[in-house]
């Protein structure tokens, strides 16, 4: 792996709470390059982001659905072959968790409006990492997201988190079947990464997929 993310350089820039605010930000920042993470509220998204980009960036909470804004971070890459930092700064978008059952109708309306605006504005500028739970992939909210993102032309892939919790042979068989379903449904790269934020599994593979897109 030639490039790595400089974990100590990841910096929080701002949180965006509405489609109107997002449109204003996009007009002020027309040249965007980066990656976004999208997944259900309880899939371990914050933990995975911290494993990839550095500790204490995304806020980890025991209460799902706490993040209701689009949180934007800047991050930097290091070229190991040339032993120097890449001049460009890239952006990480931590999207609010989708499919949170306790969200009010108004929260859901705002989220849907923000997501539609976000993906319309960011098309071809960022890579999409769709994070799902390896134990319970392809929930209705996951399918809704896959169908929604299919109308745009994004590069991206599915990361199945918490794979370390798959213990029995029966669970492994079920996971293999779900992977086959995902490959037939996903509108982007058929590659599926099996990962664990807590066990640091496949973190380098995720980093490589991001840097391959950016460089």
N, C-alpha and C. Protein backbone atom coordinates (compact mmCIF):
# COMPACT_ATOMS: atom_id res chain seq x y z
N UNK A 1 0.85 -1.20 0.00
CA UNK A 1 0.00 0.00 0.00
C UNK A 1 0.88 1.24 0.00
N UNK A 2 0.81 2.02 -1.07
CA UNK A 2 1.70 3.17 -1.23
C UNK A 2 1.28 4.37 -0.36
N UNK A 3 -0.03 4.56 -0.22
CA UNK A 3 -0.51 5.74 0.48
C UNK A 3 -1.20 5.36 1.79
N UNK A 4 -1.07 6.22 2.78
CA UNK A 4 -1.76 6.00 4.03
C UNK A 4 -2.39 7.30 4.51
N UNK A 5 -3.42 7.17 5.31
CA UNK A 5 -4.07 8.33 5.90
C UNK A 5 -3.28 8.78 7.12
N UNK A 6 -2.97 10.06 7.19
CA UNK A 6 -2.25 10.60 8.35
C UNK A 6 -3.27 10.81 9.46
N UNK A 7 -3.34 9.87 10.37
CA UNK A 7 -4.42 9.88 11.36
C UNK A 7 -4.37 11.06 12.31
N UNK A 8 -3.18 11.59 12.56
CA UNK A 8 -3.07 12.73 13.47
C UNK A 8 -3.47 14.04 12.80
N UNK A 9 -3.68 14.00 11.48
CA UNK A 9 -3.98 15.24 10.75
C UNK A 9 -5.47 15.41 10.45
N UNK A 10 -6.29 14.42 10.76
CA UNK A 10 -7.72 14.53 10.50
C UNK A 10 -8.32 15.60 11.41
N UNK A 11 -9.05 16.54 10.80
CA UNK A 11 -9.54 17.71 11.54
C UNK A 11 -11.03 17.93 11.28
N UNK A 12 -11.78 18.13 12.35
CA UNK A 12 -13.20 18.45 12.20
C UNK A 12 -13.35 19.87 11.67
N UNK A 13 -14.17 20.04 10.63
CA UNK A 13 -14.38 21.36 10.04
C UNK A 13 -15.71 21.97 10.45
N UNK A 14 -16.80 21.21 10.28
CA UNK A 14 -18.10 21.75 10.63
C UNK A 14 -19.17 20.68 10.55
N UNK A 15 -20.33 20.98 11.12
CA UNK A 15 -21.50 20.13 11.00
C UNK A 15 -22.57 20.88 10.22
N UNK A 16 -23.24 20.16 9.33
CA UNK A 16 -24.30 20.76 8.51
C UNK A 16 -25.63 20.14 8.91
N UNK A 17 -26.60 21.00 9.21
CA UNK A 17 -27.85 20.52 9.80
C UNK A 17 -29.07 20.68 8.90
N UNK A 18 -28.90 21.24 7.70
CA UNK A 18 -30.05 21.42 6.81
C UNK A 18 -29.60 21.43 5.36
N UNK A 19 -30.56 21.18 4.47
CA UNK A 19 -30.26 21.20 3.04
C UNK A 19 -29.84 22.59 2.59
N UNK A 20 -30.45 23.61 3.17
CA UNK A 20 -30.12 24.99 2.80
C UNK A 20 -28.66 25.31 3.16
N UNK A 21 -28.26 24.91 4.36
CA UNK A 21 -26.88 25.14 4.80
C UNK A 21 -25.91 24.37 3.90
N UNK A 22 -26.29 23.15 3.53
CA UNK A 22 -25.44 22.33 2.67
C UNK A 22 -25.25 22.98 1.30
N UNK A 23 -26.31 23.53 0.74
CA UNK A 23 -26.22 24.17 -0.57
C UNK A 23 -25.30 25.39 -0.51
N UNK A 24 -25.41 26.15 0.57
CA UNK A 24 -24.53 27.30 0.74
C UNK A 24 -23.08 26.89 0.85
N UNK A 25 -22.82 25.81 1.61
CA UNK A 25 -21.46 25.30 1.76
C UNK A 25 -20.92 24.81 0.41
N UNK A 26 -21.75 24.10 -0.36
CA UNK A 26 -21.31 23.55 -1.64
C UNK A 26 -20.97 24.66 -2.63
N UNK A 27 -21.72 25.74 -2.62
CA UNK A 27 -21.43 26.87 -3.51
C UNK A 27 -20.09 27.51 -3.15
N UNK A 28 -19.80 27.54 -1.86
CA UNK A 28 -18.53 28.14 -1.40
C UNK A 28 -17.35 27.19 -1.56
N UNK A 29 -17.63 25.90 -1.79
CA UNK A 29 -16.57 24.88 -1.90
C UNK A 29 -16.82 24.01 -3.13
N UNK A 30 -16.63 24.57 -4.33
CA UNK A 30 -16.97 23.83 -5.54
C UNK A 30 -16.03 22.66 -5.86
N UNK A 31 -14.78 22.75 -5.41
CA UNK A 31 -13.80 21.70 -5.71
C UNK A 31 -13.67 20.77 -4.51
N UNK A 32 -14.38 19.67 -4.57
CA UNK A 32 -14.43 18.73 -3.44
C UNK A 32 -13.93 17.36 -3.89
N UNK A 33 -13.13 16.73 -3.06
CA UNK A 33 -12.67 15.38 -3.33
C UNK A 33 -12.59 14.65 -1.99
N UNK A 34 -13.20 13.48 -1.91
CA UNK A 34 -13.15 12.77 -0.63
C UNK A 34 -14.00 11.52 -0.61
N UNK A 35 -14.52 11.22 0.58
CA UNK A 35 -15.26 9.99 0.80
C UNK A 35 -16.36 10.25 1.82
N UNK A 36 -17.46 9.53 1.69
CA UNK A 36 -18.51 9.61 2.71
C UNK A 36 -18.82 8.22 3.24
N UNK A 37 -19.23 8.17 4.51
CA UNK A 37 -19.63 6.93 5.17
C UNK A 37 -21.12 7.01 5.47
N UNK A 38 -21.87 6.03 5.00
CA UNK A 38 -23.31 5.99 5.24
C UNK A 38 -23.70 4.61 5.74
N UNK A 39 -24.54 4.57 6.77
CA UNK A 39 -24.97 3.29 7.30
C UNK A 39 -26.07 3.46 8.33
N UNK A 40 -26.64 2.36 8.75
CA UNK A 40 -27.69 2.42 9.77
C UNK A 40 -27.13 2.97 11.09
N UNK A 41 -28.03 3.44 11.92
CA UNK A 41 -27.64 4.14 13.14
C UNK A 41 -26.82 3.29 14.11
N UNK A 42 -27.02 1.99 14.12
CA UNK A 42 -26.36 1.14 15.12
C UNK A 42 -25.34 0.18 14.51
N UNK A 43 -24.73 0.59 13.40
CA UNK A 43 -23.85 -0.32 12.67
C UNK A 43 -22.38 -0.17 13.04
N UNK A 44 -22.06 0.78 13.92
CA UNK A 44 -20.68 0.99 14.33
C UNK A 44 -19.91 1.91 13.40
N UNK A 45 -20.63 2.83 12.78
CA UNK A 45 -20.00 3.74 11.81
C UNK A 45 -18.94 4.63 12.44
N UNK A 46 -19.25 5.19 13.59
CA UNK A 46 -18.29 6.09 14.25
C UNK A 46 -17.01 5.35 14.62
N UNK A 47 -17.15 4.14 15.13
CA UNK A 47 -15.98 3.35 15.51
C UNK A 47 -15.11 3.03 14.30
N UNK A 48 -15.74 2.72 13.17
CA UNK A 48 -14.98 2.39 11.97
C UNK A 48 -14.27 3.63 11.43
N UNK A 49 -14.95 4.76 11.44
CA UNK A 49 -14.33 6.01 10.98
C UNK A 49 -13.11 6.31 11.83
N UNK A 50 -13.23 6.15 13.14
CA UNK A 50 -12.09 6.41 14.03
C UNK A 50 -10.93 5.44 13.77
N UNK A 51 -11.26 4.19 13.43
CA UNK A 51 -10.22 3.21 13.13
C UNK A 51 -9.48 3.56 11.84
N UNK A 52 -10.18 4.14 10.88
CA UNK A 52 -9.59 4.48 9.59
C UNK A 52 -8.87 5.83 9.63
N UNK A 53 -9.49 6.81 10.29
CA UNK A 53 -9.00 8.19 10.20
C UNK A 53 -8.34 8.70 11.48
N UNK A 54 -8.40 7.93 12.54
CA UNK A 54 -7.77 8.36 13.79
C UNK A 54 -8.76 8.44 14.92
N UNK A 55 -8.30 8.16 16.12
CA UNK A 55 -9.17 8.12 17.28
C UNK A 55 -9.78 9.47 17.58
N UNK A 56 -10.99 9.44 18.12
CA UNK A 56 -11.68 10.63 18.64
C UNK A 56 -12.03 11.64 17.56
N UNK A 57 -12.25 11.16 16.33
CA UNK A 57 -12.77 12.05 15.29
C UNK A 57 -14.29 11.98 15.28
N UNK A 58 -14.84 10.84 14.88
CA UNK A 58 -16.29 10.67 14.96
C UNK A 58 -16.68 10.38 16.40
N UNK A 59 -17.82 10.87 16.81
CA UNK A 59 -18.27 10.66 18.19
C UNK A 59 -18.95 9.30 18.33
N UNK A 60 -18.41 8.49 19.22
CA UNK A 60 -18.98 7.17 19.48
C UNK A 60 -19.97 7.29 20.62
N UNK A 61 -21.18 6.75 20.41
CA UNK A 61 -22.22 6.84 21.43
C UNK A 61 -22.88 5.49 21.62
N UNK A 62 -23.31 5.23 22.85
CA UNK A 62 -24.07 4.00 23.12
C UNK A 62 -25.52 4.15 22.70
N UNK A 63 -25.92 5.36 22.36
CA UNK A 63 -27.29 5.62 21.94
C UNK A 63 -27.31 5.83 20.43
N UNK A 64 -27.88 4.89 19.65
CA UNK A 64 -27.91 5.03 18.20
C UNK A 64 -28.68 6.28 17.78
N UNK A 65 -28.27 6.85 16.64
CA UNK A 65 -29.03 7.95 16.07
C UNK A 65 -28.70 9.31 16.63
N UNK A 66 -27.62 9.42 17.42
CA UNK A 66 -27.27 10.69 18.03
C UNK A 66 -26.79 11.71 17.00
N UNK A 67 -26.10 11.22 15.96
CA UNK A 67 -25.57 12.12 14.95
C UNK A 67 -26.67 12.46 13.95
N UNK A 68 -27.13 13.72 13.97
CA UNK A 68 -28.19 14.14 13.06
C UNK A 68 -27.70 15.17 12.06
N UNK A 69 -26.39 15.42 12.05
CA UNK A 69 -25.82 16.36 11.10
C UNK A 69 -24.88 15.63 10.16
N UNK A 70 -24.55 16.29 9.05
CA UNK A 70 -23.45 15.84 8.21
C UNK A 70 -22.19 16.46 8.78
N UNK A 71 -21.33 15.65 9.35
CA UNK A 71 -20.09 16.15 9.93
C UNK A 71 -18.98 16.06 8.89
N UNK A 72 -18.29 17.17 8.68
CA UNK A 72 -17.26 17.26 7.66
C UNK A 72 -15.89 17.39 8.31
N UNK A 73 -14.96 16.55 7.86
CA UNK A 73 -13.59 16.57 8.34
C UNK A 73 -12.65 16.74 7.15
N UNK A 74 -11.49 17.30 7.37
CA UNK A 74 -10.43 17.27 6.37
C UNK A 74 -9.43 16.20 6.79
N UNK A 75 -8.81 15.57 5.79
CA UNK A 75 -7.76 14.59 6.09
C UNK A 75 -6.67 14.65 5.04
N UNK A 76 -5.52 14.11 5.38
CA UNK A 76 -4.35 14.18 4.50
C UNK A 76 -3.77 12.79 4.28
N UNK A 77 -3.05 12.67 3.17
CA UNK A 77 -2.44 11.39 2.80
C UNK A 77 -0.92 11.52 2.77
N UNK A 78 -0.27 10.40 3.04
CA UNK A 78 1.19 10.33 3.02
C UNK A 78 1.62 9.31 1.97
N UNK A 79 2.52 9.72 1.10
CA UNK A 79 3.07 8.84 0.07
C UNK A 79 4.30 8.14 0.66
N UNK A 80 4.18 6.87 0.95
CA UNK A 80 5.26 6.14 1.61
C UNK A 80 6.46 5.92 0.68
N UNK A 81 6.21 5.78 -0.62
CA UNK A 81 7.31 5.55 -1.55
C UNK A 81 8.18 6.80 -1.70
N UNK A 82 7.53 7.98 -1.71
CA UNK A 82 8.27 9.23 -1.86
C UNK A 82 8.59 9.86 -0.50
N UNK A 83 8.07 9.24 0.56
CA UNK A 83 8.31 9.71 1.93
C UNK A 83 7.93 11.19 2.10
N UNK A 84 6.75 11.52 1.58
CA UNK A 84 6.29 12.90 1.76
C UNK A 84 4.76 12.96 1.74
N UNK A 85 4.25 14.04 2.29
CA UNK A 85 2.81 14.25 2.37
C UNK A 85 2.27 14.73 1.02
N UNK A 86 1.08 14.24 0.66
CA UNK A 86 0.40 14.72 -0.54
C UNK A 86 -0.09 16.15 -0.28
N UNK A 87 0.10 17.03 -1.25
CA UNK A 87 -0.25 18.44 -1.05
C UNK A 87 -1.75 18.65 -0.81
N UNK A 88 -2.58 17.89 -1.50
CA UNK A 88 -4.03 18.09 -1.40
C UNK A 88 -4.58 17.71 -0.04
N UNK A 89 -5.62 18.42 0.37
CA UNK A 89 -6.41 18.01 1.53
C UNK A 89 -7.74 17.46 1.01
N UNK A 90 -8.17 16.36 1.61
CA UNK A 90 -9.39 15.69 1.18
C UNK A 90 -10.46 15.81 2.28
N UNK A 91 -11.70 15.49 1.92
CA UNK A 91 -12.79 15.64 2.87
C UNK A 91 -13.44 14.31 3.19
N UNK A 92 -13.74 14.13 4.45
CA UNK A 92 -14.51 13.00 4.95
C UNK A 92 -15.88 13.51 5.39
N UNK A 93 -16.93 12.88 4.89
CA UNK A 93 -18.30 13.23 5.26
C UNK A 93 -18.89 12.08 6.08
N UNK A 94 -19.17 12.35 7.33
CA UNK A 94 -19.81 11.38 8.22
C UNK A 94 -21.30 11.70 8.19
N UNK A 95 -22.07 10.86 7.48
CA UNK A 95 -23.49 11.13 7.29
C UNK A 95 -24.30 10.61 8.47
N UNK A 96 -25.43 11.26 8.77
CA UNK A 96 -26.30 10.78 9.85
C UNK A 96 -26.75 9.34 9.58
N UNK A 97 -26.82 8.54 10.62
CA UNK A 97 -27.28 7.15 10.46
C UNK A 97 -28.70 7.09 9.95
N UNK A 98 -28.91 6.24 8.96
CA UNK A 98 -30.27 6.10 8.43
C UNK A 98 -31.02 4.97 9.12
N UNK A 99 -32.34 4.97 8.98
CA UNK A 99 -33.16 3.89 9.51
C UNK A 99 -33.31 3.88 11.01
N UNK A 100 -33.18 5.05 11.66
CA UNK A 100 -33.32 5.12 13.12
C UNK A 100 -34.80 5.17 13.47
N UNK A 101 -35.30 4.11 14.10
CA UNK A 101 -36.74 3.95 14.32
C UNK A 101 -37.34 5.03 15.20
N UNK A 102 -36.54 5.58 16.15
CA UNK A 102 -37.08 6.55 17.08
C UNK A 102 -37.03 7.99 16.57
N UNK A 103 -36.53 8.17 15.35
CA UNK A 103 -36.49 9.52 14.79
C UNK A 103 -37.91 10.01 14.54
N UNK A 104 -38.14 11.27 14.82
CA UNK A 104 -39.46 11.86 14.58
C UNK A 104 -39.68 12.04 13.08
N UNK A 105 -40.93 12.28 12.70
CA UNK A 105 -41.23 12.50 11.29
C UNK A 105 -40.48 13.72 10.76
N UNK A 106 -40.36 14.74 11.60
CA UNK A 106 -39.67 15.95 11.19
C UNK A 106 -38.17 15.67 11.00
N UNK A 107 -37.57 14.90 11.91
CA UNK A 107 -36.16 14.52 11.76
C UNK A 107 -35.95 13.72 10.48
N UNK A 108 -36.86 12.78 10.22
CA UNK A 108 -36.76 11.95 9.01
C UNK A 108 -36.89 12.80 7.75
N UNK A 109 -37.78 13.78 7.79
CA UNK A 109 -37.98 14.67 6.64
C UNK A 109 -36.71 15.48 6.37
N UNK A 110 -36.13 16.03 7.42
CA UNK A 110 -34.91 16.82 7.28
C UNK A 110 -33.76 15.95 6.76
N UNK A 111 -33.65 14.73 7.33
CA UNK A 111 -32.59 13.81 6.89
C UNK A 111 -32.74 13.49 5.41
N UNK A 112 -33.95 13.12 4.98
CA UNK A 112 -34.18 12.77 3.58
C UNK A 112 -33.86 13.93 2.65
N UNK A 113 -34.24 15.13 3.06
CA UNK A 113 -33.97 16.31 2.25
C UNK A 113 -32.46 16.58 2.16
N UNK A 114 -31.77 16.44 3.30
CA UNK A 114 -30.32 16.65 3.30
C UNK A 114 -29.61 15.63 2.43
N UNK A 115 -30.03 14.36 2.54
CA UNK A 115 -29.36 13.32 1.78
C UNK A 115 -29.57 13.49 0.28
N UNK A 116 -30.78 13.83 -0.12
CA UNK A 116 -31.05 14.06 -1.54
C UNK A 116 -30.18 15.19 -2.06
N UNK A 117 -30.11 16.27 -1.30
CA UNK A 117 -29.28 17.42 -1.69
C UNK A 117 -27.81 17.04 -1.73
N UNK A 118 -27.36 16.32 -0.71
CA UNK A 118 -25.95 15.93 -0.63
C UNK A 118 -25.53 15.11 -1.84
N UNK A 119 -26.27 14.06 -2.15
CA UNK A 119 -25.86 13.18 -3.22
C UNK A 119 -26.04 13.81 -4.60
N UNK A 120 -26.96 14.75 -4.73
CA UNK A 120 -27.07 15.48 -5.99
C UNK A 120 -25.86 16.39 -6.20
N UNK A 121 -25.41 17.02 -5.13
CA UNK A 121 -24.31 17.98 -5.23
C UNK A 121 -22.94 17.31 -5.34
N UNK A 122 -22.79 16.14 -4.71
CA UNK A 122 -21.47 15.52 -4.60
C UNK A 122 -21.19 14.47 -5.68
N UNK A 123 -22.09 14.26 -6.60
CA UNK A 123 -21.94 13.20 -7.59
C UNK A 123 -20.60 13.32 -8.33
N UNK A 124 -19.90 12.19 -8.43
CA UNK A 124 -18.61 12.06 -9.10
C UNK A 124 -17.46 12.73 -8.35
N UNK A 125 -17.73 13.30 -7.18
CA UNK A 125 -16.68 13.99 -6.42
C UNK A 125 -16.18 13.16 -5.25
N UNK A 126 -17.00 12.25 -4.76
CA UNK A 126 -16.63 11.48 -3.58
C UNK A 126 -16.92 10.00 -3.79
N UNK A 127 -16.27 9.19 -2.97
CA UNK A 127 -16.54 7.76 -2.94
C UNK A 127 -17.50 7.47 -1.80
N UNK A 128 -18.41 6.54 -2.02
CA UNK A 128 -19.41 6.17 -1.01
C UNK A 128 -19.03 4.84 -0.37
N UNK A 129 -18.88 4.86 0.94
CA UNK A 129 -18.71 3.62 1.70
C UNK A 129 -20.02 3.35 2.42
N UNK A 130 -20.73 2.30 1.99
CA UNK A 130 -21.98 1.92 2.64
C UNK A 130 -21.67 0.86 3.70
N UNK A 131 -21.83 1.23 4.94
CA UNK A 131 -21.49 0.36 6.06
C UNK A 131 -22.74 -0.39 6.53
N UNK A 132 -22.62 -1.72 6.60
CA UNK A 132 -23.71 -2.56 7.09
C UNK A 132 -23.19 -3.51 8.17
N UNK A 133 -24.11 -4.04 8.95
CA UNK A 133 -23.77 -4.97 10.02
C UNK A 133 -23.64 -6.37 9.44
N UNK A 134 -22.48 -6.99 9.61
CA UNK A 134 -22.24 -8.33 9.04
C UNK A 134 -23.23 -9.36 9.57
N UNK A 135 -23.75 -9.14 10.77
CA UNK A 135 -24.72 -10.08 11.35
C UNK A 135 -26.11 -9.87 10.81
N UNK A 136 -26.41 -8.63 10.40
CA UNK A 136 -27.76 -8.29 9.93
C UNK A 136 -27.70 -7.36 8.73
N UNK A 137 -27.10 -7.82 7.63
CA UNK A 137 -27.05 -6.95 6.44
C UNK A 137 -28.40 -6.92 5.73
N UNK A 138 -28.50 -6.03 4.77
CA UNK A 138 -29.67 -5.96 3.91
C UNK A 138 -30.97 -5.81 4.69
N UNK A 139 -30.94 -4.98 5.74
CA UNK A 139 -32.18 -4.59 6.39
C UNK A 139 -32.93 -3.66 5.45
N UNK A 140 -34.20 -3.40 5.75
CA UNK A 140 -35.00 -2.56 4.86
C UNK A 140 -34.33 -1.21 4.62
N UNK A 141 -33.78 -0.61 5.68
CA UNK A 141 -33.12 0.68 5.52
C UNK A 141 -31.91 0.58 4.60
N UNK A 142 -31.19 -0.55 4.67
CA UNK A 142 -30.04 -0.76 3.77
C UNK A 142 -30.51 -0.88 2.32
N UNK A 143 -31.56 -1.63 2.11
CA UNK A 143 -32.10 -1.80 0.76
C UNK A 143 -32.61 -0.47 0.21
N UNK A 144 -33.26 0.31 1.07
CA UNK A 144 -33.75 1.62 0.65
C UNK A 144 -32.57 2.51 0.22
N UNK A 145 -31.48 2.45 0.98
CA UNK A 145 -30.31 3.26 0.63
C UNK A 145 -29.70 2.80 -0.68
N UNK A 146 -29.55 1.49 -0.87
CA UNK A 146 -28.99 0.96 -2.11
C UNK A 146 -29.83 1.38 -3.31
N UNK A 147 -31.14 1.31 -3.17
CA UNK A 147 -32.03 1.73 -4.26
C UNK A 147 -31.93 3.23 -4.50
N UNK A 148 -31.82 3.99 -3.41
CA UNK A 148 -31.71 5.44 -3.53
C UNK A 148 -30.42 5.85 -4.23
N UNK A 149 -29.30 5.27 -3.82
CA UNK A 149 -28.01 5.67 -4.37
C UNK A 149 -27.84 5.21 -5.81
N UNK A 150 -28.65 4.22 -6.22
CA UNK A 150 -28.55 3.69 -7.57
C UNK A 150 -28.90 4.66 -8.66
N UNK A 151 -29.60 5.74 -8.31
CA UNK A 151 -29.98 6.73 -9.32
C UNK A 151 -28.82 7.68 -9.66
N UNK A 152 -27.74 7.58 -8.88
CA UNK A 152 -26.57 8.44 -9.11
C UNK A 152 -25.40 7.60 -9.60
N UNK A 153 -24.38 8.28 -10.10
CA UNK A 153 -23.20 7.58 -10.61
C UNK A 153 -22.04 7.74 -9.63
N UNK A 154 -22.08 6.93 -8.60
CA UNK A 154 -21.04 6.98 -7.59
C UNK A 154 -20.16 5.75 -7.66
N UNK A 155 -18.88 5.95 -7.37
CA UNK A 155 -18.02 4.81 -7.06
C UNK A 155 -18.16 4.53 -5.57
N UNK A 156 -18.21 3.28 -5.23
CA UNK A 156 -18.36 2.94 -3.82
C UNK A 156 -18.36 1.45 -3.60
N UNK A 157 -18.50 1.09 -2.34
CA UNK A 157 -18.54 -0.33 -2.01
C UNK A 157 -19.19 -0.52 -0.65
N UNK A 158 -19.52 -1.76 -0.37
CA UNK A 158 -20.15 -2.12 0.90
C UNK A 158 -19.09 -2.67 1.84
N UNK A 159 -19.10 -2.18 3.07
CA UNK A 159 -18.25 -2.72 4.13
C UNK A 159 -19.16 -3.36 5.17
N UNK A 160 -18.95 -4.63 5.42
CA UNK A 160 -19.73 -5.34 6.45
C UNK A 160 -18.93 -5.32 7.74
N UNK A 161 -19.37 -4.51 8.68
CA UNK A 161 -18.67 -4.33 9.95
C UNK A 161 -19.11 -5.38 10.98
N UNK A 162 -18.35 -5.52 12.04
CA UNK A 162 -18.63 -6.44 13.14
C UNK A 162 -18.53 -7.91 12.72
N UNK A 163 -17.67 -8.18 11.72
CA UNK A 163 -17.54 -9.56 11.25
C UNK A 163 -16.94 -10.45 12.33
N UNK A 164 -16.25 -9.86 13.30
CA UNK A 164 -15.66 -10.64 14.39
C UNK A 164 -16.73 -11.29 15.27
N UNK A 165 -17.95 -10.81 15.17
CA UNK A 165 -19.04 -11.36 15.97
C UNK A 165 -19.71 -12.56 15.30
N UNK A 166 -19.27 -12.87 14.08
CA UNK A 166 -19.77 -14.06 13.39
C UNK A 166 -18.95 -15.26 13.89
N UNK A 167 -19.58 -16.11 14.68
CA UNK A 167 -18.85 -17.19 15.35
C UNK A 167 -19.15 -18.59 14.80
N UNK A 168 -20.42 -18.90 14.61
CA UNK A 168 -20.78 -20.28 14.28
C UNK A 168 -20.74 -20.52 12.77
N UNK A 169 -20.69 -21.79 12.40
CA UNK A 169 -20.68 -22.15 10.99
C UNK A 169 -21.99 -21.74 10.33
N UNK A 170 -23.08 -21.87 11.06
CA UNK A 170 -24.39 -21.48 10.52
C UNK A 170 -24.41 -19.98 10.20
N UNK A 171 -23.83 -19.18 11.08
CA UNK A 171 -23.77 -17.73 10.85
C UNK A 171 -22.90 -17.41 9.64
N UNK A 172 -21.83 -18.17 9.46
CA UNK A 172 -20.94 -17.95 8.32
C UNK A 172 -21.64 -18.29 7.00
N UNK A 173 -22.45 -19.34 7.02
CA UNK A 173 -23.21 -19.72 5.82
C UNK A 173 -24.21 -18.62 5.46
N UNK A 174 -24.89 -18.11 6.46
CA UNK A 174 -25.86 -17.03 6.23
C UNK A 174 -25.15 -15.79 5.67
N UNK A 175 -23.99 -15.46 6.24
CA UNK A 175 -23.23 -14.30 5.76
C UNK A 175 -22.83 -14.47 4.30
N UNK A 176 -22.40 -15.66 3.92
CA UNK A 176 -22.01 -15.92 2.54
C UNK A 176 -23.18 -15.71 1.59
N UNK A 177 -24.37 -16.14 2.00
CA UNK A 177 -25.57 -15.95 1.17
C UNK A 177 -25.92 -14.47 1.04
N UNK A 178 -25.78 -13.75 2.15
CA UNK A 178 -26.09 -12.32 2.12
C UNK A 178 -25.09 -11.57 1.25
N UNK A 179 -23.83 -12.01 1.25
CA UNK A 179 -22.83 -11.39 0.39
C UNK A 179 -23.21 -11.57 -1.09
N UNK A 180 -23.70 -12.74 -1.44
CA UNK A 180 -24.12 -12.99 -2.82
C UNK A 180 -25.27 -12.07 -3.21
N UNK A 181 -26.21 -11.88 -2.28
CA UNK A 181 -27.34 -10.97 -2.55
C UNK A 181 -26.83 -9.55 -2.76
N UNK A 182 -25.90 -9.14 -1.91
CA UNK A 182 -25.36 -7.78 -2.01
C UNK A 182 -24.69 -7.55 -3.35
N UNK A 183 -23.93 -8.52 -3.82
CA UNK A 183 -23.23 -8.37 -5.08
C UNK A 183 -24.20 -8.19 -6.24
N UNK A 184 -25.37 -8.80 -6.14
CA UNK A 184 -26.35 -8.68 -7.21
C UNK A 184 -27.15 -7.38 -7.10
N UNK A 185 -27.20 -6.79 -5.90
CA UNK A 185 -28.01 -5.59 -5.68
C UNK A 185 -27.22 -4.30 -5.82
N UNK A 186 -25.97 -4.32 -5.39
CA UNK A 186 -25.18 -3.09 -5.34
C UNK A 186 -25.00 -2.51 -6.74
N UNK A 187 -25.07 -1.18 -6.81
CA UNK A 187 -24.98 -0.50 -8.09
C UNK A 187 -23.56 -0.03 -8.39
N UNK A 188 -22.62 -0.44 -7.55
CA UNK A 188 -21.24 -0.02 -7.76
C UNK A 188 -20.34 -1.23 -7.69
N UNK A 189 -19.15 -1.06 -7.16
CA UNK A 189 -18.16 -2.13 -7.06
C UNK A 189 -18.75 -3.35 -6.35
N UNK A 190 -18.64 -4.51 -6.99
CA UNK A 190 -19.19 -5.73 -6.40
C UNK A 190 -18.33 -6.25 -5.25
N UNK A 191 -17.16 -5.61 -5.05
CA UNK A 191 -16.29 -6.01 -3.96
C UNK A 191 -16.93 -5.67 -2.62
N UNK A 192 -16.92 -6.62 -1.69
CA UNK A 192 -17.46 -6.40 -0.35
C UNK A 192 -16.34 -6.66 0.66
N UNK A 193 -16.13 -5.69 1.54
CA UNK A 193 -15.07 -5.80 2.54
C UNK A 193 -15.65 -6.26 3.86
N UNK A 194 -15.09 -7.33 4.42
CA UNK A 194 -15.49 -7.82 5.74
C UNK A 194 -14.56 -7.21 6.76
N UNK A 195 -15.12 -6.44 7.70
CA UNK A 195 -14.28 -5.64 8.59
C UNK A 195 -14.75 -5.72 10.03
N UNK A 196 -13.88 -5.27 10.91
CA UNK A 196 -14.23 -5.10 12.32
C UNK A 196 -13.45 -3.92 12.86
N UNK A 197 -14.16 -2.88 13.27
CA UNK A 197 -13.51 -1.70 13.84
C UNK A 197 -12.84 -2.04 15.16
N UNK A 198 -13.50 -2.85 15.98
CA UNK A 198 -12.97 -3.15 17.31
C UNK A 198 -11.74 -4.05 17.25
N UNK A 199 -11.67 -4.92 16.25
CA UNK A 199 -10.53 -5.84 16.10
C UNK A 199 -9.51 -5.36 15.07
N UNK A 200 -9.80 -4.19 14.47
CA UNK A 200 -8.89 -3.60 13.48
C UNK A 200 -8.71 -4.50 12.25
N UNK A 201 -9.78 -5.19 11.88
CA UNK A 201 -9.75 -6.08 10.72
C UNK A 201 -10.12 -5.34 9.45
N UNK A 202 -9.32 -5.49 8.41
CA UNK A 202 -9.54 -4.94 7.06
C UNK A 202 -9.49 -3.41 7.02
N UNK A 203 -8.92 -2.79 8.05
CA UNK A 203 -8.81 -1.34 8.05
C UNK A 203 -7.87 -0.88 6.93
N UNK A 204 -6.76 -1.56 6.75
CA UNK A 204 -5.84 -1.21 5.67
C UNK A 204 -6.49 -1.38 4.30
N UNK A 205 -7.35 -2.38 4.18
CA UNK A 205 -8.05 -2.60 2.91
C UNK A 205 -9.00 -1.45 2.60
N UNK A 206 -9.65 -0.94 3.63
CA UNK A 206 -10.55 0.21 3.45
C UNK A 206 -9.74 1.45 3.08
N UNK A 207 -8.62 1.65 3.77
CA UNK A 207 -7.74 2.79 3.45
C UNK A 207 -7.29 2.71 1.99
N UNK A 208 -6.88 1.53 1.56
CA UNK A 208 -6.40 1.37 0.19
C UNK A 208 -7.50 1.66 -0.83
N UNK A 209 -8.73 1.24 -0.53
CA UNK A 209 -9.83 1.50 -1.46
C UNK A 209 -10.12 2.99 -1.57
N UNK A 210 -9.94 3.71 -0.48
CA UNK A 210 -10.15 5.16 -0.48
C UNK A 210 -9.04 5.86 -1.25
N UNK A 211 -7.78 5.50 -0.95
CA UNK A 211 -6.67 6.18 -1.59
C UNK A 211 -6.59 5.86 -3.09
N UNK A 212 -6.99 4.66 -3.48
CA UNK A 212 -7.03 4.31 -4.91
C UNK A 212 -7.99 5.23 -5.66
N UNK A 213 -9.08 5.61 -5.00
CA UNK A 213 -10.04 6.51 -5.61
C UNK A 213 -9.52 7.94 -5.69
N UNK A 214 -8.82 8.36 -4.65
CA UNK A 214 -8.43 9.76 -4.55
C UNK A 214 -7.17 10.11 -5.35
N UNK A 215 -6.27 9.16 -5.48
CA UNK A 215 -4.98 9.45 -6.14
C UNK A 215 -4.97 8.99 -7.60
